[in-house]
Amino acid sequence: MNPITKLPVVVYAESTPNPSAMKFVASRILFDNPSPLEFLNPSQANASPLAVELFKFPFVKSVFIHRNYITVSKSDTIQWEDVTLELREFLRSYLSEGKIIVTGQNFVSNASPKSEESISDLIEHVVPTSEIEKKIVGVLEEYVAPAVGQDGGMIVFRSYKDGVVSLMMRGACSGCPSATVTLKSGIEALLKKFVPEVKEVISVG
């Protein structure tokens, strides 16, 4: 999937609502899969040589890869203005040289039980088992996914029980100070409108 010859690639940085996360957008597809990949520490990153290299930067805390962008979360000990250009140039060079981004092996969906040996996290909704759950996932995909994707993140359906919807924040959405407001004033209101059975929306780890 990765080009063998060296091709020019444009990479630009976009800020996100999460001050700890920066979205780096490339002029080519990086991971041609509808479900993103997220690596929360270096030990998970073996399935992505690019993530392995990014974790060599001491300030990198997590790497989220989806379509044509990468969201990088950093530690609070450093400011983005000090490292954004360095990361952007690294990514531009890496991609231009046609290096491998993901190996395509050992992907484990977080919608399924995982063993301790799992080394990567393919982010997907838990498969809906009822009509209500199907409606919830449909609303998330149609109305929520495009907006949070623009911000470099994803919100994943985990469960529905007794009117309560559990969602998981990934990418730039994880740890974002405004995530709770978005969850309550935005997503909860949206789900209640389209799925009357929904009474509350909560975030789970």
N, C-alpha and C. Protein backbone atom coordinates (compact mmCIF):
# COMPACT_ATOMS: atom_id res chain seq x y z
N MET A 1 0.83 -1.21 0.00
CA MET A 1 0.00 0.00 0.00
C MET A 1 0.86 1.26 0.00
N ASN A 2 2.09 1.16 0.49
CA ASN A 2 2.96 2.32 0.55
C ASN A 2 3.78 2.42 -0.74
N PRO A 3 3.98 3.62 -1.26
CA PRO A 3 4.74 3.77 -2.48
C PRO A 3 6.19 3.37 -2.29
N ILE A 4 6.78 2.76 -3.35
CA ILE A 4 8.17 2.33 -3.27
C ILE A 4 9.10 3.49 -3.61
N THR A 5 8.73 4.25 -4.65
CA THR A 5 9.55 5.38 -5.04
C THR A 5 9.24 6.59 -4.17
N LYS A 6 10.21 7.47 -4.10
CA LYS A 6 10.04 8.66 -3.27
C LYS A 6 9.09 9.63 -3.96
N LEU A 7 8.03 10.01 -3.28
CA LEU A 7 7.03 10.91 -3.82
C LEU A 7 6.85 12.08 -2.87
N PRO A 8 6.65 13.27 -3.42
CA PRO A 8 6.42 14.43 -2.54
C PRO A 8 5.11 14.29 -1.79
N VAL A 9 5.15 14.55 -0.50
CA VAL A 9 3.96 14.49 0.34
C VAL A 9 3.87 15.79 1.12
N VAL A 10 2.71 16.38 1.13
CA VAL A 10 2.48 17.60 1.90
C VAL A 10 1.88 17.21 3.25
N VAL A 11 2.41 17.75 4.31
CA VAL A 11 1.88 17.51 5.66
C VAL A 11 1.67 18.86 6.33
N TYR A 12 0.48 19.07 6.88
CA TYR A 12 0.26 20.30 7.63
C TYR A 12 -0.37 19.97 8.98
N ALA A 13 -0.17 20.85 9.94
CA ALA A 13 -0.64 20.63 11.30
C ALA A 13 -1.93 21.41 11.55
N GLU A 14 -2.86 20.78 12.26
CA GLU A 14 -4.11 21.43 12.66
C GLU A 14 -4.26 21.30 14.16
N SER A 15 -4.56 22.39 14.83
CA SER A 15 -4.84 22.31 16.26
C SER A 15 -6.19 21.63 16.47
N THR A 16 -6.39 21.07 17.65
CA THR A 16 -7.64 20.40 18.00
C THR A 16 -8.20 21.03 19.27
N PRO A 17 -9.44 20.73 19.62
CA PRO A 17 -9.99 21.26 20.88
C PRO A 17 -9.22 20.77 22.10
N ASN A 18 -8.46 19.71 21.95
CA ASN A 18 -7.65 19.18 23.04
C ASN A 18 -6.27 19.81 22.98
N PRO A 19 -5.88 20.63 23.96
CA PRO A 19 -4.58 21.29 23.91
C PRO A 19 -3.39 20.33 23.93
N SER A 20 -3.62 19.08 24.30
CA SER A 20 -2.54 18.10 24.33
C SER A 20 -2.41 17.31 23.03
N ALA A 21 -3.30 17.56 22.07
CA ALA A 21 -3.31 16.78 20.82
C ALA A 21 -3.19 17.69 19.60
N MET A 22 -2.40 17.24 18.63
CA MET A 22 -2.25 17.95 17.37
C MET A 22 -2.53 16.98 16.23
N LYS A 23 -3.25 17.47 15.23
CA LYS A 23 -3.62 16.65 14.07
C LYS A 23 -2.69 17.01 12.91
N PHE A 24 -2.02 15.98 12.35
CA PHE A 24 -1.14 16.18 11.20
C PHE A 24 -1.80 15.53 9.98
N VAL A 25 -2.14 16.36 9.01
CA VAL A 25 -2.87 15.90 7.84
C VAL A 25 -1.92 15.75 6.66
N ALA A 26 -2.01 14.62 5.96
CA ALA A 26 -1.14 14.35 4.82
C ALA A 26 -1.92 14.41 3.52
N SER A 27 -1.21 14.60 2.42
CA SER A 27 -1.84 14.70 1.10
C SER A 27 -1.99 13.33 0.45
N ARG A 28 -2.01 12.28 1.25
CA ARG A 28 -2.21 10.92 0.74
C ARG A 28 -2.88 10.08 1.82
N ILE A 29 -3.47 8.97 1.42
CA ILE A 29 -4.08 8.06 2.38
C ILE A 29 -2.97 7.32 3.14
N LEU A 30 -3.10 7.27 4.45
CA LEU A 30 -2.10 6.61 5.29
C LEU A 30 -2.55 5.22 5.73
N PHE A 31 -3.83 5.10 6.05
CA PHE A 31 -4.36 3.84 6.55
C PHE A 31 -5.75 3.66 5.95
N ASP A 32 -5.83 2.83 4.91
CA ASP A 32 -7.07 2.69 4.15
C ASP A 32 -7.99 1.67 4.81
N ASN A 33 -8.53 2.07 5.95
CA ASN A 33 -9.42 1.22 6.72
C ASN A 33 -10.44 2.14 7.38
N PRO A 34 -11.73 1.79 7.36
CA PRO A 34 -12.73 2.67 7.98
C PRO A 34 -12.54 2.84 9.49
N SER A 35 -11.86 1.89 10.13
CA SER A 35 -11.62 1.98 11.57
C SER A 35 -10.19 2.46 11.83
N PRO A 36 -10.02 3.48 12.68
CA PRO A 36 -8.68 4.00 12.97
C PRO A 36 -7.88 3.02 13.83
N LEU A 37 -6.61 3.32 13.96
CA LEU A 37 -5.73 2.62 14.89
C LEU A 37 -5.24 3.62 15.92
N GLU A 38 -5.16 3.19 17.17
CA GLU A 38 -4.60 4.04 18.21
C GLU A 38 -3.61 3.26 19.04
N PHE A 39 -2.46 3.87 19.29
CA PHE A 39 -1.41 3.27 20.11
C PHE A 39 -1.19 4.16 21.32
N LEU A 40 -1.41 3.60 22.50
CA LEU A 40 -1.37 4.40 23.72
C LEU A 40 -0.02 4.38 24.42
N ASN A 41 0.88 3.51 23.96
CA ASN A 41 2.24 3.47 24.51
C ASN A 41 3.14 2.73 23.53
N PRO A 42 4.46 2.85 23.68
CA PRO A 42 5.39 2.23 22.72
C PRO A 42 5.24 0.72 22.60
N SER A 43 4.86 0.05 23.67
CA SER A 43 4.76 -1.41 23.63
C SER A 43 3.63 -1.88 22.72
N GLN A 44 2.67 -1.01 22.42
CA GLN A 44 1.56 -1.36 21.52
C GLN A 44 1.91 -1.12 20.06
N ALA A 45 2.99 -0.42 19.80
CA ALA A 45 3.20 0.16 18.48
C ALA A 45 3.89 -0.74 17.46
N ASN A 46 4.14 -2.01 17.79
CA ASN A 46 4.87 -2.88 16.88
C ASN A 46 4.18 -3.05 15.53
N ALA A 47 2.86 -2.90 15.50
CA ALA A 47 2.13 -3.05 14.24
C ALA A 47 2.28 -1.84 13.33
N SER A 48 2.89 -0.77 13.82
CA SER A 48 3.07 0.42 13.01
C SER A 48 4.49 0.95 13.15
N PRO A 49 5.34 0.72 12.15
CA PRO A 49 6.70 1.28 12.19
C PRO A 49 6.70 2.80 12.35
N LEU A 50 5.69 3.46 11.78
CA LEU A 50 5.60 4.91 11.94
C LEU A 50 5.36 5.28 13.40
N ALA A 51 4.44 4.58 14.07
CA ALA A 51 4.17 4.86 15.48
C ALA A 51 5.42 4.58 16.32
N VAL A 52 6.14 3.52 15.99
CA VAL A 52 7.38 3.20 16.72
C VAL A 52 8.33 4.39 16.66
N GLU A 53 8.48 4.97 15.48
CA GLU A 53 9.38 6.11 15.32
C GLU A 53 8.87 7.35 16.05
N LEU A 54 7.56 7.55 16.03
CA LEU A 54 7.00 8.71 16.73
C LEU A 54 7.21 8.61 18.23
N PHE A 55 7.12 7.40 18.78
CA PHE A 55 7.31 7.23 20.22
C PHE A 55 8.77 7.47 20.64
N LYS A 56 9.66 7.56 19.68
CA LYS A 56 11.05 7.88 20.02
C LYS A 56 11.20 9.35 20.42
N PHE A 57 10.21 10.16 20.06
CA PHE A 57 10.18 11.53 20.57
C PHE A 57 9.71 11.44 22.03
N PRO A 58 10.49 11.89 22.98
CA PRO A 58 10.17 11.65 24.40
C PRO A 58 8.86 12.27 24.87
N PHE A 59 8.34 13.24 24.15
CA PHE A 59 7.12 13.92 24.58
C PHE A 59 5.86 13.28 24.02
N VAL A 60 5.97 12.30 23.12
CA VAL A 60 4.80 11.69 22.50
C VAL A 60 4.16 10.68 23.45
N LYS A 61 2.85 10.85 23.71
CA LYS A 61 2.13 9.97 24.63
C LYS A 61 1.24 8.96 23.92
N SER A 62 0.68 9.34 22.76
CA SER A 62 -0.16 8.41 22.01
C SER A 62 -0.18 8.81 20.54
N VAL A 63 -0.51 7.83 19.70
CA VAL A 63 -0.55 8.04 18.25
C VAL A 63 -1.85 7.45 17.72
N PHE A 64 -2.60 8.26 16.96
CA PHE A 64 -3.90 7.87 16.41
C PHE A 64 -3.81 8.03 14.90
N ILE A 65 -4.00 6.93 14.15
CA ILE A 65 -3.85 6.96 12.69
C ILE A 65 -5.19 6.65 12.03
N HIS A 66 -5.63 7.54 11.14
CA HIS A 66 -6.91 7.33 10.45
C HIS A 66 -6.88 8.01 9.08
N ARG A 67 -7.21 7.24 8.08
CA ARG A 67 -7.30 7.78 6.72
C ARG A 67 -6.04 8.54 6.33
N ASN A 68 -6.16 9.88 6.25
CA ASN A 68 -5.03 10.69 5.78
C ASN A 68 -4.44 11.57 6.89
N TYR A 69 -4.68 11.21 8.15
CA TYR A 69 -4.10 12.04 9.21
C TYR A 69 -3.63 11.22 10.40
N ILE A 70 -2.78 11.86 11.18
CA ILE A 70 -2.24 11.27 12.41
C ILE A 70 -2.46 12.28 13.52
N THR A 71 -3.08 11.85 14.60
CA THR A 71 -3.22 12.71 15.78
C THR A 71 -2.19 12.27 16.81
N VAL A 72 -1.36 13.20 17.21
CA VAL A 72 -0.33 12.93 18.21
C VAL A 72 -0.68 13.64 19.50
N SER A 73 -0.67 12.90 20.60
CA SER A 73 -0.88 13.51 21.92
C SER A 73 0.46 13.61 22.62
N LYS A 74 0.68 14.73 23.30
CA LYS A 74 1.99 14.99 23.92
C LYS A 74 1.86 15.11 25.44
N SER A 75 2.99 15.05 26.09
CA SER A 75 3.03 15.29 27.53
C SER A 75 2.88 16.78 27.80
N ASP A 76 2.52 17.11 29.02
CA ASP A 76 2.29 18.52 29.38
C ASP A 76 3.59 19.28 29.64
N THR A 77 4.71 18.60 29.57
CA THR A 77 5.99 19.25 29.90
C THR A 77 6.57 20.05 28.74
N ILE A 78 5.90 20.00 27.58
CA ILE A 78 6.43 20.70 26.41
C ILE A 78 5.29 21.39 25.68
N GLN A 79 5.60 22.48 24.98
CA GLN A 79 4.60 23.25 24.25
C GLN A 79 4.62 22.88 22.76
N TRP A 80 3.45 22.94 22.13
CA TRP A 80 3.38 22.58 20.71
C TRP A 80 4.26 23.47 19.85
N GLU A 81 4.35 24.74 20.18
CA GLU A 81 5.15 25.64 19.34
C GLU A 81 6.63 25.24 19.31
N ASP A 82 7.04 24.44 20.28
CA ASP A 82 8.43 24.00 20.32
C ASP A 82 8.69 22.73 19.51
N VAL A 83 7.64 22.00 19.16
CA VAL A 83 7.86 20.69 18.53
C VAL A 83 7.05 20.45 17.26
N THR A 84 6.07 21.31 16.96
CA THR A 84 5.20 21.06 15.81
C THR A 84 5.98 20.99 14.50
N LEU A 85 6.86 21.94 14.26
CA LEU A 85 7.63 21.95 13.02
C LEU A 85 8.51 20.72 12.90
N GLU A 86 9.10 20.30 14.01
CA GLU A 86 9.95 19.12 14.01
C GLU A 86 9.14 17.87 13.66
N LEU A 87 7.97 17.72 14.25
CA LEU A 87 7.13 16.56 13.95
C LEU A 87 6.62 16.60 12.52
N ARG A 88 6.21 17.75 12.07
CA ARG A 88 5.69 17.86 10.70
C ARG A 88 6.77 17.50 9.68
N GLU A 89 7.98 17.98 9.90
CA GLU A 89 9.08 17.67 8.98
C GLU A 89 9.43 16.18 9.02
N PHE A 90 9.41 15.61 10.23
CA PHE A 90 9.67 14.17 10.35
C PHE A 90 8.63 13.37 9.56
N LEU A 91 7.36 13.71 9.73
CA LEU A 91 6.30 12.99 9.04
C LEU A 91 6.39 13.18 7.52
N ARG A 92 6.67 14.39 7.09
CA ARG A 92 6.80 14.65 5.65
C ARG A 92 7.92 13.81 5.04
N SER A 93 9.06 13.77 5.72
CA SER A 93 10.19 12.99 5.24
C SER A 93 9.88 11.50 5.24
N TYR A 94 9.29 11.01 6.33
CA TYR A 94 8.96 9.59 6.47
C TYR A 94 8.02 9.14 5.36
N LEU A 95 6.98 9.93 5.12
CA LEU A 95 5.98 9.57 4.12
C LEU A 95 6.52 9.72 2.70
N SER A 96 7.33 10.74 2.47
CA SER A 96 7.90 10.95 1.14
C SER A 96 8.83 9.81 0.74
N GLU A 97 9.47 9.21 1.72
CA GLU A 97 10.38 8.10 1.43
C GLU A 97 9.65 6.77 1.27
N GLY A 98 8.33 6.79 1.41
CA GLY A 98 7.55 5.59 1.18
C GLY A 98 7.73 4.51 2.23
N LYS A 99 8.09 4.90 3.43
CA LYS A 99 8.30 3.91 4.49
C LYS A 99 6.96 3.34 4.95
N ILE A 100 7.03 2.15 5.56
CA ILE A 100 5.82 1.45 5.98
C ILE A 100 5.13 2.19 7.13
N ILE A 101 3.83 2.34 7.02
CA ILE A 101 3.05 3.03 8.05
C ILE A 101 2.48 2.02 9.04
N VAL A 102 1.75 1.03 8.52
CA VAL A 102 1.25 -0.07 9.37
C VAL A 102 1.53 -1.38 8.65
N THR A 103 1.76 -2.43 9.41
CA THR A 103 2.11 -3.71 8.82
C THR A 103 0.89 -4.50 8.36
N GLY A 104 -0.28 -4.17 8.91
CA GLY A 104 -1.48 -4.91 8.54
C GLY A 104 -1.66 -6.20 9.30
N GLN A 105 -0.84 -6.40 10.33
CA GLN A 105 -0.91 -7.62 11.11
C GLN A 105 -1.15 -7.30 12.58
N ASN A 106 -1.70 -8.29 13.27
CA ASN A 106 -1.88 -8.21 14.72
C ASN A 106 -2.84 -7.11 15.16
N PHE A 107 -3.76 -6.70 14.28
CA PHE A 107 -4.75 -5.72 14.69
C PHE A 107 -5.81 -6.42 15.53
N VAL A 108 -6.16 -5.82 16.65
CA VAL A 108 -7.17 -6.39 17.53
C VAL A 108 -8.22 -5.32 17.78
N SER A 109 -9.44 -5.61 17.42
CA SER A 109 -10.51 -4.63 17.61
C SER A 109 -10.80 -4.45 19.09
N ASN A 110 -11.01 -3.19 19.50
CA ASN A 110 -11.37 -2.97 20.90
C ASN A 110 -12.84 -3.30 21.14
N ALA A 111 -13.53 -3.73 20.09
CA ALA A 111 -14.90 -4.19 20.26
C ALA A 111 -14.95 -5.66 20.68
N SER A 112 -13.78 -6.28 20.72
CA SER A 112 -13.69 -7.69 21.09
C SER A 112 -12.76 -7.85 22.28
N PRO A 113 -12.89 -8.95 23.03
CA PRO A 113 -11.95 -9.20 24.13
C PRO A 113 -10.53 -9.27 23.60
N LYS A 114 -9.59 -8.74 24.36
CA LYS A 114 -8.19 -8.74 23.93
C LYS A 114 -7.33 -9.45 24.97
N SER A 115 -6.31 -10.09 24.49
CA SER A 115 -5.36 -10.72 25.39
C SER A 115 -4.28 -9.72 25.75
N GLU A 116 -3.48 -10.05 26.71
CA GLU A 116 -2.40 -9.17 27.13
C GLU A 116 -1.36 -9.01 26.03
N GLU A 117 -1.36 -9.96 25.06
CA GLU A 117 -0.39 -9.90 23.99
C GLU A 117 -0.81 -8.97 22.85
N SER A 118 -2.01 -8.42 22.93
CA SER A 118 -2.47 -7.54 21.87
C SER A 118 -1.53 -6.34 21.76
N ILE A 119 -1.10 -6.04 20.54
CA ILE A 119 -0.13 -4.97 20.39
C ILE A 119 -0.68 -3.77 19.65
N SER A 120 -1.93 -3.84 19.21
CA SER A 120 -2.51 -2.68 18.56
C SER A 120 -4.00 -2.64 18.82
N ASP A 121 -4.58 -1.48 18.58
CA ASP A 121 -5.98 -1.28 18.94
C ASP A 121 -6.74 -0.72 17.75
N LEU A 122 -7.48 -1.58 17.06
CA LEU A 122 -8.32 -1.16 15.96
C LEU A 122 -9.63 -0.65 16.54
N ILE A 123 -9.93 0.62 16.32
CA ILE A 123 -11.03 1.26 17.01
C ILE A 123 -12.34 1.07 16.24
N GLU A 124 -13.26 0.35 16.83
CA GLU A 124 -14.56 0.10 16.22
C GLU A 124 -15.65 0.17 17.27
N HIS A 125 -16.87 0.44 16.81
CA HIS A 125 -18.02 0.35 17.69
C HIS A 125 -18.23 -1.11 18.09
N VAL A 126 -18.72 -1.33 19.30
CA VAL A 126 -19.18 -2.66 19.66
C VAL A 126 -20.36 -2.99 18.74
N VAL A 127 -20.40 -4.20 18.23
CA VAL A 127 -21.45 -4.59 17.29
C VAL A 127 -22.82 -4.51 17.97
N PRO A 128 -23.73 -3.71 17.40
CA PRO A 128 -25.07 -3.58 18.02
C PRO A 128 -25.85 -4.88 17.93
N THR A 129 -26.59 -5.18 19.00
CA THR A 129 -27.35 -6.43 19.04
C THR A 129 -28.86 -6.20 19.12
N SER A 130 -29.29 -4.94 19.14
CA SER A 130 -30.72 -4.63 19.20
C SER A 130 -31.00 -3.48 18.25
N GLU A 131 -32.28 -3.25 17.98
CA GLU A 131 -32.66 -2.15 17.10
C GLU A 131 -32.27 -0.80 17.69
N ILE A 132 -32.39 -0.66 19.01
CA ILE A 132 -32.01 0.60 19.66
C ILE A 132 -30.52 0.85 19.48
N GLU A 133 -29.72 -0.18 19.70
CA GLU A 133 -28.27 -0.02 19.55
C GLU A 133 -27.90 0.30 18.10
N LYS A 134 -28.60 -0.30 17.15
CA LYS A 134 -28.35 0.00 15.74
C LYS A 134 -28.66 1.47 15.44
N LYS A 135 -29.75 1.98 16.02
CA LYS A 135 -30.09 3.39 15.83
C LYS A 135 -29.02 4.29 16.43
N ILE A 136 -28.54 3.93 17.62
CA ILE A 136 -27.50 4.73 18.29
C ILE A 136 -26.24 4.80 17.45
N VAL A 137 -25.77 3.65 16.97
CA VAL A 137 -24.57 3.61 16.14
C VAL A 137 -24.79 4.40 14.84
N GLY A 138 -26.00 4.28 14.28
CA GLY A 138 -26.31 5.02 13.06
C GLY A 138 -26.22 6.52 13.25
N VAL A 139 -26.75 7.02 14.37
CA VAL A 139 -26.68 8.46 14.67
C VAL A 139 -25.22 8.88 14.88
N LEU A 140 -24.45 8.08 15.60
CA LEU A 140 -23.05 8.40 15.83
C LEU A 140 -22.28 8.48 14.52
N GLU A 141 -22.55 7.53 13.62
CA GLU A 141 -21.83 7.51 12.35
C GLU A 141 -22.23 8.67 11.44
N GLU A 142 -23.52 8.99 11.42
CA GLU A 142 -23.99 10.02 10.50
C GLU A 142 -23.74 11.44 10.99
N TYR A 143 -23.94 11.68 12.28
CA TYR A 143 -23.90 13.05 12.79
C TYR A 143 -22.67 13.38 13.64
N VAL A 144 -22.13 12.39 14.34
CA VAL A 144 -21.04 12.67 15.27
C VAL A 144 -19.67 12.42 14.64
N ALA A 145 -19.52 11.29 13.96
CA ALA A 145 -18.22 10.90 13.42
C ALA A 145 -17.58 11.96 12.52
N PRO A 146 -18.32 12.58 11.59
CA PRO A 146 -17.68 13.60 10.74
C PRO A 146 -17.11 14.77 11.53
N ALA A 147 -17.84 15.21 12.55
CA ALA A 147 -17.40 16.37 13.33
C ALA A 147 -16.18 16.06 14.17
N VAL A 148 -16.21 14.94 14.89
CA VAL A 148 -15.06 14.62 15.75
C VAL A 148 -13.87 14.19 14.91
N GLY A 149 -14.12 13.62 13.73
CA GLY A 149 -13.02 13.28 12.83
C GLY A 149 -12.27 14.52 12.38
N GLN A 150 -13.00 15.60 12.16
CA GLN A 150 -12.36 16.87 11.80
C GLN A 150 -11.42 17.34 12.90
N ASP A 151 -11.75 16.97 14.13
CA ASP A 151 -10.93 17.37 15.27
C ASP A 151 -9.86 16.34 15.61
N GLY A 152 -9.72 15.31 14.78
CA GLY A 152 -8.66 14.33 14.99
C GLY A 152 -8.97 13.25 16.01
N GLY A 153 -10.26 12.97 16.21
CA GLY A 153 -10.61 11.95 17.20
C GLY A 153 -11.74 11.07 16.75
N MET A 154 -12.25 10.28 17.67
CA MET A 154 -13.37 9.38 17.38
C MET A 154 -14.10 9.08 18.69
N ILE A 155 -15.41 8.94 18.60
CA ILE A 155 -16.22 8.55 19.75
C ILE A 155 -16.86 7.21 19.42
N VAL A 156 -16.61 6.22 20.28
CA VAL A 156 -16.95 4.84 19.98
C VAL A 156 -18.06 4.33 20.91
N PHE A 157 -19.05 3.66 20.31
CA PHE A 157 -20.14 3.07 21.08
C PHE A 157 -19.63 1.84 21.82
N ARG A 158 -19.92 1.78 23.15
CA ARG A 158 -19.50 0.64 23.94
C ARG A 158 -20.68 -0.21 24.43
N SER A 159 -21.77 0.46 24.91
CA SER A 159 -22.90 -0.33 25.40
C SER A 159 -24.14 0.54 25.55
N TYR A 160 -25.29 -0.13 25.66
CA TYR A 160 -26.56 0.53 25.97
C TYR A 160 -27.31 -0.35 26.96
N LYS A 161 -27.74 0.26 28.06
CA LYS A 161 -28.48 -0.50 29.06
C LYS A 161 -29.37 0.43 29.87
N ASP A 162 -30.64 0.10 29.95
CA ASP A 162 -31.59 0.85 30.77
C ASP A 162 -31.56 2.35 30.46
N GLY A 163 -31.50 2.69 29.18
CA GLY A 163 -31.53 4.09 28.78
C GLY A 163 -30.19 4.80 28.81
N VAL A 164 -29.14 4.13 29.29
CA VAL A 164 -27.82 4.75 29.41
C VAL A 164 -26.89 4.26 28.30
N VAL A 165 -26.33 5.20 27.54
CA VAL A 165 -25.39 4.89 26.47
C VAL A 165 -23.96 5.16 26.97
N SER A 166 -23.10 4.17 26.83
CA SER A 166 -21.69 4.32 27.21
C SER A 166 -20.85 4.51 25.96
N LEU A 167 -20.06 5.58 25.94
CA LEU A 167 -19.21 5.88 24.81
C LEU A 167 -17.77 6.00 25.26
N MET A 168 -16.85 5.73 24.34
CA MET A 168 -15.42 5.85 24.64
C MET A 168 -14.80 6.91 23.74
N MET A 169 -14.00 7.80 24.34
CA MET A 169 -13.32 8.86 23.61
C MET A 169 -11.95 8.36 23.14
N ARG A 170 -11.64 8.57 21.86
CA ARG A 170 -10.35 8.14 21.35
C ARG A 170 -9.69 9.29 20.57
N GLY A 171 -8.39 9.15 20.32
CA GLY A 171 -7.66 10.19 19.60
C GLY A 171 -7.67 11.49 20.36
N ALA A 172 -7.90 12.58 19.65
CA ALA A 172 -7.89 13.90 20.29
C ALA A 172 -9.02 14.06 21.29
N CYS A 173 -10.08 13.26 21.17
CA CYS A 173 -11.20 13.36 22.10
C CYS A 173 -10.82 12.86 23.49
N SER A 174 -9.86 11.95 23.57
CA SER A 174 -9.44 11.38 24.85
C SER A 174 -8.70 12.42 25.67
N GLY A 175 -9.20 12.68 26.86
CA GLY A 175 -8.55 13.64 27.74
C GLY A 175 -8.79 15.09 27.39
N CYS A 176 -9.68 15.34 26.43
CA CYS A 176 -9.95 16.72 26.02
C CYS A 176 -10.80 17.41 27.09
N PRO A 177 -10.40 18.60 27.54
CA PRO A 177 -11.16 19.32 28.58
C PRO A 177 -12.61 19.61 28.19
N SER A 178 -12.87 19.78 26.88
CA SER A 178 -14.22 20.10 26.45
C SER A 178 -15.04 18.86 26.10
N ALA A 179 -14.46 17.68 26.28
CA ALA A 179 -15.15 16.45 25.89
C ALA A 179 -16.44 16.24 26.67
N THR A 180 -16.43 16.55 27.97
CA THR A 180 -17.62 16.36 28.80
C THR A 180 -18.76 17.25 28.33
N VAL A 181 -18.43 18.49 28.00
CA VAL A 181 -19.45 19.41 27.50
C VAL A 181 -20.01 18.91 26.17
N THR A 182 -19.11 18.46 25.29
CA THR A 182 -19.54 17.92 23.99
C THR A 182 -20.44 16.72 24.18
N LEU A 183 -20.06 15.87 25.13
CA LEU A 183 -20.82 14.65 25.39
C LEU A 183 -22.23 14.96 25.86
N LYS A 184 -22.34 15.88 26.80
CA LYS A 184 -23.63 16.17 27.42
C LYS A 184 -24.50 17.12 26.58
N SER A 185 -23.93 18.23 26.18
CA SER A 185 -24.75 19.23 25.48
C SER A 185 -24.93 18.91 24.00
N GLY A 186 -24.01 18.12 23.45
CA GLY A 186 -24.09 17.81 22.04
C GLY A 186 -24.60 16.41 21.75
N ILE A 187 -23.80 15.42 22.09
CA ILE A 187 -24.13 14.04 21.72
C ILE A 187 -25.35 13.51 22.46
N GLU A 188 -25.45 13.79 23.75
CA GLU A 188 -26.60 13.31 24.52
C GLU A 188 -27.90 13.89 23.96
N ALA A 189 -27.89 15.19 23.67
CA ALA A 189 -29.08 15.84 23.12
C ALA A 189 -29.44 15.26 21.76
N LEU A 190 -28.42 14.99 20.96
CA LEU A 190 -28.63 14.44 19.62
C LEU A 190 -29.24 13.04 19.69
N LEU A 191 -28.69 12.20 20.54
CA LEU A 191 -29.21 10.84 20.67
C LEU A 191 -30.62 10.83 21.23
N LYS A 192 -30.89 11.69 22.20
CA LYS A 192 -32.25 11.76 22.75
C LYS A 192 -33.26 12.17 21.68
N LYS A 193 -32.83 13.03 20.76
CA LYS A 193 -33.71 13.50 19.70
C LYS A 193 -34.06 12.38 18.72
N PHE A 194 -33.05 11.60 18.33
CA PHE A 194 -33.27 10.57 17.32
C PHE A 194 -33.61 9.20 17.91
N VAL A 195 -33.21 8.98 19.15
CA VAL A 195 -33.50 7.69 19.80
C VAL A 195 -34.14 7.99 21.15
N PRO A 196 -35.46 8.11 21.22
CA PRO A 196 -36.16 8.53 22.44
C PRO A 196 -35.89 7.64 23.65
N GLU A 197 -35.48 6.40 23.41
CA GLU A 197 -35.19 5.49 24.52
C GLU A 197 -33.96 5.92 25.32
N VAL A 198 -33.10 6.73 24.73
CA VAL A 198 -31.88 7.18 25.41
C VAL A 198 -32.20 8.22 26.47
N LYS A 199 -31.75 7.99 27.68
CA LYS A 199 -31.97 8.92 28.78
C LYS A 199 -30.69 9.64 29.22
N GLU A 200 -29.56 8.99 29.01
CA GLU A 200 -28.29 9.57 29.47
C GLU A 200 -27.15 9.01 28.64
N VAL A 201 -26.09 9.81 28.51
CA VAL A 201 -24.88 9.37 27.82
C VAL A 201 -23.70 9.58 28.76
N ILE A 202 -22.88 8.54 28.93
CA ILE A 202 -21.71 8.63 29.80
C ILE A 202 -20.45 8.23 29.04
N SER A 203 -19.31 8.67 29.55
CA SER A 203 -18.02 8.31 28.97
C SER A 203 -17.38 7.22 29.82
N VAL A 204 -16.82 6.22 29.17
CA VAL A 204 -16.13 5.14 29.87
C VAL A 204 -14.68 5.08 29.39
N GLY A 205 -13.81 4.54 30.24
CA GLY A 205 -12.40 4.46 29.90
C GLY A 205 -12.11 3.29 29.01
